[in-house]
Structure formats: structure tokens, C-alpha cells
C-alpha atoms as a PDB file:
ATOM      1  CA  UNK A   1     -52.134 -25.638  12.521  1.00  0.00           C
ATOM      2  CA  UNK A   2     -51.887 -22.619  14.917  1.00  0.00           C
ATOM      3  CA  UNK A   3     -55.018 -23.343  15.862  1.00  0.00           C
ATOM      4  CA  UNK A   4     -55.185 -27.123  17.025  1.00  0.00           C
ATOM      5  CA  UNK A   5     -51.462 -26.465  18.399  1.00  0.00           C
ATOM      6  CA  UNK A   6     -50.185 -28.199  16.345  1.00  0.00           C
ATOM      7  CA  UNK A   7     -47.469 -25.789  14.861  1.00  0.00           C
ATOM      8  CA  UNK A   8     -44.829 -24.865  16.277  1.00  0.00           C
ATOM      9  CA  UNK A   9     -42.453 -21.325  16.330  1.00  0.00           C
ATOM     10  CA  UNK A  10     -41.566 -19.706  13.682  1.00  0.00           C
ATOM     11  CA  UNK A  11     -45.724 -18.200  14.380  1.00  0.00           C
ATOM     12  CA  UNK A  12     -47.905 -17.538  12.520  1.00  0.00           C
ATOM     13  CA  UNK A  13     -47.448 -20.568   9.581  1.00  0.00           C
ATOM     14  CA  UNK A  14     -49.298 -18.399   7.426  1.00  0.00           C
ATOM     15  CA  UNK A  15     -46.965 -17.710   4.391  1.00  0.00           C
ATOM     16  CA  UNK A  16     -44.227 -20.372   5.845  1.00  0.00           C
ATOM     17  CA  UNK A  17     -43.641 -24.029   5.364  1.00  0.00           C
ATOM     18  CA  UNK A  18     -44.492 -24.919   8.665  1.00  0.00           C
ATOM     19  CA  UNK A  19     -43.041 -26.477  11.338  1.00  0.00           C
ATOM     20  CA  UNK A  20     -44.890 -28.825  13.314  1.00  0.00           C
ATOM     21  CA  UNK A  21     -45.040 -30.784  15.977  1.00  0.00           C
ATOM     22  CA  UNK A  22     -43.547 -34.445  15.711  1.00  0.00           C
ATOM     23  CA  UNK A  23     -40.686 -32.717  13.228  1.00  0.00           C
ATOM     24  CA  UNK A  24     -37.976 -34.442  14.693  1.00  0.00           C
ATOM     25  CA  UNK A  25     -39.913 -38.164  14.583  1.00  0.00           C
ATOM     26  CA  UNK A  26     -40.213 -37.595  10.971  1.00  0.00           C
ATOM     27  CA  UNK A  27     -36.599 -37.003  10.604  1.00  0.00           C
ATOM     28  CA  UNK A  28     -35.910 -40.237  12.176  1.00  0.00           C
ATOM     29  CA  UNK A  29     -38.619 -41.846  10.252  1.00  0.00           C
ATOM     30  CA  UNK A  30     -36.593 -40.694   7.340  1.00  0.00           C
ATOM     31  CA  UNK A  31     -33.273 -41.629   8.117  1.00  0.00           C
ATOM     32  CA  UNK A  32     -34.349 -44.917   8.346  1.00  0.00           C
ATOM     33  CA  UNK A  33     -35.274 -45.737   4.531  1.00  0.00           C
ATOM     34  CA  UNK A  34     -33.415 -47.222   2.256  1.00  0.00           C
ATOM     35  CA  UNK A  35     -33.632 -44.333  -0.417  1.00  0.00           C
ATOM     36  CA  UNK A  36     -31.524 -42.337   2.627  1.00  0.00           C
ATOM     37  CA  UNK A  37     -29.338 -45.103   3.500  1.00  0.00           C
ATOM     38  CA  UNK A  38     -28.366 -45.639   0.337  1.00  0.00           C
ATOM     39  CA  UNK A  39     -27.625 -41.851  -1.294  1.00  0.00           C
ATOM     40  CA  UNK A  40     -25.037 -40.553  -1.164  1.00  0.00           C
ATOM     41  CA  UNK A  41     -25.487 -36.362  -1.588  1.00  0.00           C
ATOM     42  CA  UNK A  42     -29.189 -35.420  -0.078  1.00  0.00           C
ATOM     43  CA  UNK A  43     -30.758 -32.013  -1.413  1.00  0.00           C
ATOM     44  CA  UNK A  44     -32.870 -30.167   1.287  1.00  0.00           C
ATOM     45  CA  UNK A  45     -35.071 -27.660   1.505  1.00  0.00           C
ATOM     46  CA  UNK A  46     -33.686 -24.934   3.886  1.00  0.00           C
ATOM     47  CA  UNK A  47     -37.036 -24.552   6.156  1.00  0.00           C
ATOM     48  CA  UNK A  48     -36.899 -25.156   9.447  1.00  0.00           C
ATOM     49  CA  UNK A  49     -39.106 -28.274   9.889  1.00  0.00           C
ATOM     50  CA  UNK A  50     -37.383 -29.686   8.050  1.00  0.00           C
ATOM     51  CA  UNK A  51     -33.910 -28.495  10.354  1.00  0.00           C
ATOM     52  CA  UNK A  52     -33.380 -32.444  12.648  1.00  0.00           C
ATOM     53  CA  UNK A  53     -33.730 -34.314   8.073  1.00  0.00           C
ATOM     54  CA  UNK A  54     -30.809 -31.687   7.601  1.00  0.00           C
ATOM     55  CA  UNK A  55     -28.718 -32.634  10.682  1.00  0.00           C
ATOM     56  CA  UNK A  56     -29.128 -35.835  10.071  1.00  0.00           C
ATOM     57  CA  UNK A  57     -27.153 -35.581   6.911  1.00  0.00           C
ATOM     58  CA  UNK A  58     -24.126 -34.400   7.782  1.00  0.00           C
ATOM     59  CA  UNK A  59     -24.575 -36.934  11.451  1.00  0.00           C
ATOM     60  CA  UNK A  60     -24.804 -39.736   8.635  1.00  0.00           C
ATOM     61  CA  UNK A  61     -21.124 -38.250   6.239  1.00  0.00           C
ATOM     62  CA  UNK A  62     -23.044 -37.650   3.237  1.00  0.00           C
ATOM     63  CA  UNK A  63     -22.897 -34.345   1.089  1.00  0.00           C
ATOM     64  CA  UNK A  64     -25.938 -31.555   2.107  1.00  0.00           C
ATOM     65  CA  UNK A  65     -26.937 -29.979  -1.273  1.00  0.00           C
ATOM     66  CA  UNK A  66     -29.184 -26.835  -0.219  1.00  0.00           C
ATOM     67  CA  UNK A  67     -30.846 -23.717  -1.717  1.00  0.00           C
ATOM     68  CA  UNK A  68     -29.971 -20.095  -0.982  1.00  0.00           C
ATOM     69  CA  UNK A  69     -32.541 -18.049   0.282  1.00  0.00           C
ATOM     70  CA  UNK A  70     -35.283 -17.926  -2.830  1.00  0.00           C
ATOM     71  CA  UNK A  71     -32.364 -19.232  -4.880  1.00  0.00           C
ATOM     72  CA  UNK A  72     -30.056 -15.776  -5.115  1.00  0.00           C
ATOM     73  CA  UNK A  73     -27.039 -16.985  -4.815  1.00  0.00           C
ATOM     74  CA  UNK A  74     -28.183 -20.655  -6.226  1.00  0.00           C
ATOM     75  CA  UNK A  75     -26.552 -23.550  -3.790  1.00  0.00           C
ATOM     76  CA  UNK A  76     -24.908 -24.896  -1.393  1.00  0.00           C
ATOM     77  CA  UNK A  77     -22.705 -27.361  -1.073  1.00  0.00           C
ATOM     78  CA  UNK A  78     -22.687 -28.440   2.284  1.00  0.00           C
ATOM     79  CA  UNK A  79     -19.608 -31.548   2.892  1.00  0.00           C
ATOM     80  CA  UNK A  80     -19.188 -32.894   6.207  1.00  0.00           C
ATOM     81  CA  UNK A  81     -15.677 -34.437   6.070  1.00  0.00           C
ATOM     82  CA  UNK A  82     -15.164 -30.316   7.277  1.00  0.00           C
ATOM     83  CA  UNK A  83     -17.441 -29.909   9.381  1.00  0.00           C
ATOM     84  CA  UNK A  84     -16.986 -31.086  13.205  1.00  0.00           C
ATOM     85  CA  UNK A  85     -20.229 -33.609  14.661  1.00  0.00           C
ATOM     86  CA  UNK A  86     -20.596 -30.817  17.328  1.00  0.00           C
ATOM     87  CA  UNK A  87     -21.492 -28.178  15.290  1.00  0.00           C
ATOM     88  CA  UNK A  88     -23.726 -30.080  13.054  1.00  0.00           C
ATOM     89  CA  UNK A  89     -26.889 -28.921  14.967  1.00  0.00           C
ATOM     90  CA  UNK A  90     -25.621 -24.982  13.342  1.00  0.00           C
ATOM     91  CA  UNK A  91     -25.052 -25.987  10.200  1.00  0.00           C
ATOM     92  CA  UNK A  92     -27.833 -27.360   9.762  1.00  0.00           C
ATOM     93  CA  UNK A  93     -29.257 -23.428   9.711  1.00  0.00           C
ATOM     94  CA  UNK A  94     -29.654 -21.175   7.306  1.00  0.00           C
ATOM     95  CA  UNK A  95     -26.668 -19.364   8.776  1.00  0.00           C
ATOM     96  CA  UNK A  96     -24.729 -22.442   9.157  1.00  0.00           C
ATOM     97  CA  UNK A  97     -24.823 -22.623   5.761  1.00  0.00           C
ATOM     98  CA  UNK A  98     -23.618 -19.506   5.015  1.00  0.00           C
ATOM     99  CA  UNK A  99     -20.791 -20.978   7.930  1.00  0.00           C
ATOM    100  CA  UNK A 100     -19.830 -24.266   7.347  1.00  0.00           C
ATOM    101  CA  UNK A 101     -21.305 -24.725   3.839  1.00  0.00           C
ATOM    102  CA  UNK A 102     -19.942 -22.700   0.329  1.00  0.00           C
ATOM    103  CA  UNK A 103     -22.054 -21.285  -2.701  1.00  0.00           C
ATOM    104  CA  UNK A 104     -21.406 -24.224  -5.174  1.00  0.00           C
ATOM    105  CA  UNK A 105     -21.421 -23.126  -9.234  1.00  0.00           C
ATOM    106  CA  UNK A 106     -23.298 -25.179 -10.876  1.00  0.00           C
ATOM    107  CA  UNK A 107     -20.637 -27.243 -13.592  1.00  0.00           C
ATOM    108  CA  UNK A 108     -19.360 -28.692  -9.470  1.00  0.00           C
ATOM    109  CA  UNK A 109     -22.747 -29.573  -8.083  1.00  0.00           C
ATOM    110  CA  UNK A 110     -23.123 -33.237  -7.578  1.00  0.00           C
ATOM    111  CA  UNK A 111     -25.837 -35.708  -8.170  1.00  0.00           C
ATOM    112  CA  UNK A 112     -28.438 -35.752  -6.214  1.00  0.00           C
ATOM    113  CA  UNK A 113     -29.743 -39.421  -5.056  1.00  0.00           C
ATOM    114  CA  UNK A 114     -32.846 -38.165  -2.588  1.00  0.00           C
ATOM    115  CA  UNK A 115     -34.763 -34.741  -2.484  1.00  0.00           C
ATOM    116  CA  UNK A 116     -36.398 -33.641   0.400  1.00  0.00           C
ATOM    117  CA  UNK A 117     -38.371 -31.315  -0.147  1.00  0.00           C
ATOM    118  CA  UNK A 118     -40.826 -29.068   2.393  1.00  0.00           C
ATOM    119  CA  UNK A 119     -44.912 -29.019   2.108  1.00  0.00           C
ATOM    120  CA  UNK A 120     -47.431 -27.159   3.363  1.00  0.00           C
ATOM    121  CA  UNK A 121     -50.091 -29.325   2.543  1.00  0.00           C
ATOM    122  CA  UNK A 122     -49.640 -32.778   0.834  1.00  0.00           C
ATOM    123  CA  UNK A 123     -52.301 -35.104  -1.880  1.00  0.00           C
ATOM    124  CA  UNK A 124     -52.714 -39.125  -0.638  1.00  0.00           C
ATOM    125  CA  UNK A 125     -51.361 -38.795  -4.603  1.00  0.00           C
ATOM    126  CA  UNK A 126     -48.170 -37.162  -3.748  1.00  0.00           C
ATOM    127  CA  UNK A 127     -49.329 -33.886  -5.081  1.00  0.00           C
ATOM    128  CA  UNK A 128     -47.623 -31.240  -3.037  1.00  0.00           C
ATOM    129  CA  UNK A 129     -48.294 -27.468  -2.443  1.00  0.00           C
ATOM    130  CA  UNK A 130     -45.732 -25.734  -0.790  1.00  0.00           C
ATOM    131  CA  UNK A 131     -46.223 -21.616   0.265  1.00  0.00           C
ATOM    132  CA  UNK A 132     -46.724 -20.512  -3.051  1.00  0.00           C
ATOM    133  CA  UNK A 133     -42.979 -18.899  -4.880  1.00  0.00           C
ATOM    134  CA  UNK A 134     -41.973 -21.503  -6.769  1.00  0.00           C
ATOM    135  CA  UNK A 135     -38.336 -22.137  -5.548  1.00  0.00           C
ATOM    136  CA  UNK A 136     -38.671 -25.800  -4.995  1.00  0.00           C
ATOM    137  CA  UNK A 137     -40.433 -26.637  -8.278  1.00  0.00           C
ATOM    138  CA  UNK A 138     -37.312 -24.294  -9.914  1.00  0.00           C
ATOM    139  CA  UNK A 139     -34.377 -26.212  -7.779  1.00  0.00           C
ATOM    140  CA  UNK A 140     -35.946 -29.260  -9.041  1.00  0.00           C
ATOM    141  CA  UNK A 141     -36.226 -27.998 -12.789  1.00  0.00           C
ATOM    142  CA  UNK A 142     -32.292 -27.292 -12.478  1.00  0.00           C
ATOM    143  CA  UNK A 143     -31.323 -30.271 -11.162  1.00  0.00           C
ATOM    144  CA  UNK A 144     -33.325 -32.183 -14.274  1.00  0.00           C
ATOM    145  CA  UNK A 145     -31.622 -28.917 -16.742  1.00  0.00           C
ATOM    146  CA  UNK A 146     -27.699 -30.588 -15.428  1.00  0.00           C
ATOM    147  CA  UNK A 147     -29.097 -34.092 -15.818  1.00  0.00           C
ATOM    148  CA  UNK A 148     -28.293 -33.544 -11.716  1.00  0.00           C
ATOM    149  CA  UNK A 149     -31.081 -35.577 -11.349  1.00  0.00           C
ATOM    150  CA  UNK A 150     -33.708 -38.086 -12.737  1.00  0.00           C
ATOM    151  CA  UNK A 151     -37.132 -39.077 -13.232  1.00  0.00           C
ATOM    152  CA  UNK A 152     -36.495 -42.030 -10.776  1.00  0.00           C
ATOM    153  CA  UNK A 153     -34.940 -39.375  -7.821  1.00  0.00           C
ATOM    154  CA  UNK A 154     -36.931 -39.818  -4.840  1.00  0.00           C
ATOM    155  CA  UNK A 155     -38.480 -37.308  -3.710  1.00  0.00           C
ATOM    156  CA  UNK A 156     -39.436 -37.334   0.124  1.00  0.00           C
ATOM    157  CA  UNK A 157     -40.997 -35.192   2.256  1.00  0.00           C
ATOM    158  CA  UNK A 158     -42.379 -34.345   5.448  1.00  0.00           C
ATOM    159  CA  UNK A 159     -45.122 -32.598   7.372  1.00  0.00           C
ATOM    160  CA  UNK A 160     -47.247 -33.405  10.085  1.00  0.00           C
ATOM    161  CA  UNK A 161     -50.155 -35.891   9.710  1.00  0.00           C
ATOM    162  CA  UNK A 162     -52.813 -33.147   9.672  1.00  0.00           C
ATOM    163  CA  UNK A 163     -51.202 -31.751   6.016  1.00  0.00           C
ATOM    164  CA  UNK A 164     -51.746 -34.467   4.482  1.00  0.00           C
ATOM    165  CA  UNK A 165     -55.170 -33.581   2.456  1.00  0.00           C
ATOM    166  CA  UNK A 166     -56.803 -36.275  -0.249  1.00  0.00           C
ATOM    167  CA  UNK A 167     -56.684 -34.094  -2.962  1.00  0.00           C
ATOM    168  CA  UNK A 168     -54.275 -30.657  -4.423  1.00  0.00           C
ATOM    169  CA  UNK A 169     -53.979 -29.492  -7.579  1.00  0.00           C
ATOM    170  CA  UNK A 170     -51.124 -29.924  -9.515  1.00  0.00           C
ATOM    171  CA  UNK A 171     -49.216 -28.095 -13.088  1.00  0.00           C
ATOM    172  CA  UNK A 172     -47.367 -28.823 -15.244  1.00  0.00           C
ATOM    173  CA  UNK A 173     -44.649 -27.400 -13.624  1.00  0.00           C
ATOM    174  CA  UNK A 174     -45.170 -28.737 -10.315  1.00  0.00           C
ATOM    175  CA  UNK A 175     -43.518 -32.853  -9.123  1.00  0.00           C
ATOM    176  CA  UNK A 176     -45.264 -35.440  -6.976  1.00  0.00           C
ATOM    177  CA  UNK A 177     -43.421 -36.632  -3.805  1.00  0.00           C
ATOM    178  CA  UNK A 178     -42.983 -40.433  -3.781  1.00  0.00           C
ATOM    179  CA  UNK A 179     -42.562 -40.601   0.440  1.00  0.00           C
ATOM    180  CA  UNK A 180     -44.515 -38.911   2.884  1.00  0.00           C
ATOM    181  CA  UNK A 181     -43.077 -38.816   6.705  1.00  0.00           C
ATOM    182  CA  UNK A 182     -45.271 -37.927   9.704  1.00  0.00           C
ATOM    183  CA  UNK A 183     -44.383 -38.255  13.393  1.00  0.00           C
ATOM    184  CA  UNK A 184     -46.791 -41.297  13.229  1.00  0.00           C
ATOM    185  CA  UNK A 185     -46.521 -43.082   9.720  1.00  0.00           C
ATOM    186  CA  UNK A 186     -44.624 -43.544   6.274  1.00  0.00           C
ATOM    187  CA  UNK A 187     -47.038 -43.687   3.655  1.00  0.00           C
ATOM    188  CA  UNK A 188     -45.079 -44.544   0.268  1.00  0.00           C
ATOM    189  CA  UNK A 189     -47.312 -43.862  -3.183  1.00  0.00           C
ATOM    190  CA  UNK A 190     -46.753 -44.775  -6.403  1.00  0.00           C
ATOM    191  CA  UNK A 191     -46.611 -42.038  -9.777  1.00  0.00           C
ATOM    192  CA  UNK A 192     -49.612 -41.916 -11.882  1.00  0.00           C
ATOM    193  CA  UNK A 193     -47.236 -38.995 -14.191  1.00  0.00           C
ATOM    194  CA  UNK A 194     -44.232 -38.234 -14.743  1.00  0.00           C
ATOM    195  CA  UNK A 195     -41.932 -35.727 -12.321  1.00  0.00           C
ATOM    196  CA  UNK A 196     -41.423 -32.081 -15.092  1.00  0.00           C
ATOM    197  CA  UNK A 197     -38.235 -32.905 -17.165  1.00  0.00           C
ATOM    198  CA  UNK A 198     -36.698 -29.654 -16.376  1.00  0.00           C
ATOM    199  CA  UNK A 199     -37.373 -25.297 -16.771  1.00  0.00           C
ATOM    200  CA  UNK A 200     -40.131 -24.873 -18.663  1.00  0.00           C
ATOM    201  CA  UNK A 201     -39.092 -21.265 -19.751  1.00  0.00           C
ATOM    202  CA  UNK A 202     -41.983 -20.049 -21.281  1.00  0.00           C
ATOM    203  CA  UNK A 203     -43.323 -19.802 -17.216  1.00  0.00           C
ATOM    204  CA  UNK A 204     -40.353 -18.154 -16.112  1.00  0.00           C
ATOM    205  CA  UNK A 205     -40.240 -14.511 -15.912  1.00  0.00           C
ATOM    206  CA  UNK A 206     -38.028 -11.325 -15.928  1.00  0.00           C
ATOM    207  CA  UNK A 207     -38.184 -10.613 -13.135  1.00  0.00           C
ATOM    208  CA  UNK A 208     -37.322 -14.619 -11.749  1.00  0.00           C
ATOM    209  CA  UNK A 209     -34.212 -14.360 -14.449  1.00  0.00           C
ATOM    210  CA  UNK A 210     -32.711 -10.915 -13.089  1.00  0.00           C
ATOM    211  CA  UNK A 211     -33.605 -12.749  -9.599  1.00  0.00           C
ATOM    212  CA  UNK A 212     -31.807 -15.972  -9.555  1.00  0.00           C
ATOM    213  CA  UNK A 213     -28.796 -15.406 -11.971  1.00  0.00           C
ATOM    214  CA  UNK A 214     -28.741 -19.474 -12.650  1.00  0.00           C
ATOM    215  CA  UNK A 215     -31.288 -19.462 -15.079  1.00  0.00           C
ATOM    216  CA  UNK A 216     -30.498 -16.218 -16.546  1.00  0.00           C
ATOM    217  CA  UNK A 217     -26.737 -18.866 -16.542  1.00  0.00           C
ATOM    218  CA  UNK A 218     -28.771 -21.879 -18.135  1.00  0.00           C
ATOM    219  CA  UNK A 219     -30.500 -20.350 -20.163  1.00  0.00           C
ATOM    220  CA  UNK A 220     -27.612 -18.801 -22.201  1.00  0.00           C
ATOM    221  CA  UNK A 221     -26.233 -22.672 -22.074  1.00  0.00           C
ATOM    222  CA  UNK A 222     -29.512 -23.705 -24.242  1.00  0.00           C
END
């Protein structure tokens, strides 16, 4: 992406969810979809290419759920009723999360109607490749554990067209996306496999429990 000139700041994109030329147009296409229009609460990843998606959520008067960096402090909730329209741009950034949002205890998290995930690449059957930390998968699993997302909760991703690949490996903890949105097209995918139902505890390391206290809280609940 760097070599062909379709990546944007921050660079280099290696090790990131890459920002891309046309991210704004992809976000515009996303907010036009019926799932977005019908949703009241939308979870969006905190990466740069989805900033315009987050801004679109707030501008549409919908609640925004965003994970704190590396999920160290769980999830943050941004209520558009408490954020002026002129502040939506700032509020859609990670720095803005801390200024305009609040850390939301698990018991106060709302039901999520739509999930938007960032991707390094995504296959034509909806298999998503992230940057390798597994945070998006854990975030999804936490919502499933809490009953705040279900098998029917739609999952979208916005990417550049060059990020779409023919095939990608998928593991048991990986969710698949239902809709791929690029600056030029909207691709709807028919799921072939069920989504993960929750956290695969055998794959969670002691270090992850230490770094993400919400996992320890969930394990104690069990």
C-alpha cells in the first residue's frame, strides 16, 4: 500500500490497521447502509481509517462504543447528546475518546446493534486479517459473553480495494465480516460458518488476563 501510494498517515502501515486513500468515501458508503440507519449503538475500532465512520456515528446521533487502547481499561461510551456537533471531529479520535467519552463498566454497556472492524486484509468470504494482537476478536468475544452482541449482529469493515484478497486463514476465535465496504463498492457476504460464541478461555494467557482486567472480571463471573 505504501509502494502504490494508496496508504495515508500514519506511515509506514506495517504493524497497523492501514489508513487508506478513500477512507472518507468508504465511511460515507457505510453510513448509507440500512444496518447503520437502523442501529442505535455502534461499536467501532479506534484506528485511523475508521475515524470518519466514528464521526458519522456521532453525527447521526447514535451512541459510539469504542475499546480503550489494547483494551487495558475496557470500553468507552460516547453519547452524542453530550457532545456538540462542532466537537464530533475531535471526539472521533482516540484523544477525543478520553475527553468526551466515559469508561463504561461492563454492567452498564448497552446492546450493540452494529460492529465496524478495521482490517489489514479481508477475503472474499469475509475472513478478516488484523494486525496480529487479537484485540478485535477479544472485544467481540466479550460482547458475546455479556449477551450484548449475537450471531445476528452485523459486522462491517472498511478497506481499500487492494486489501481484498482471494483467501485468508481463519481460526476458531476469528469472526467473519458480513459487509466489506471500499471507496468504490459494497460487498455483501453470505456467512458460511457461525461466529464465535464467546471467549475461548484456553487461548487466553495469564499475561492477557493481567493486561486486560475486564477478562479477569468476566472469568470471575463464570
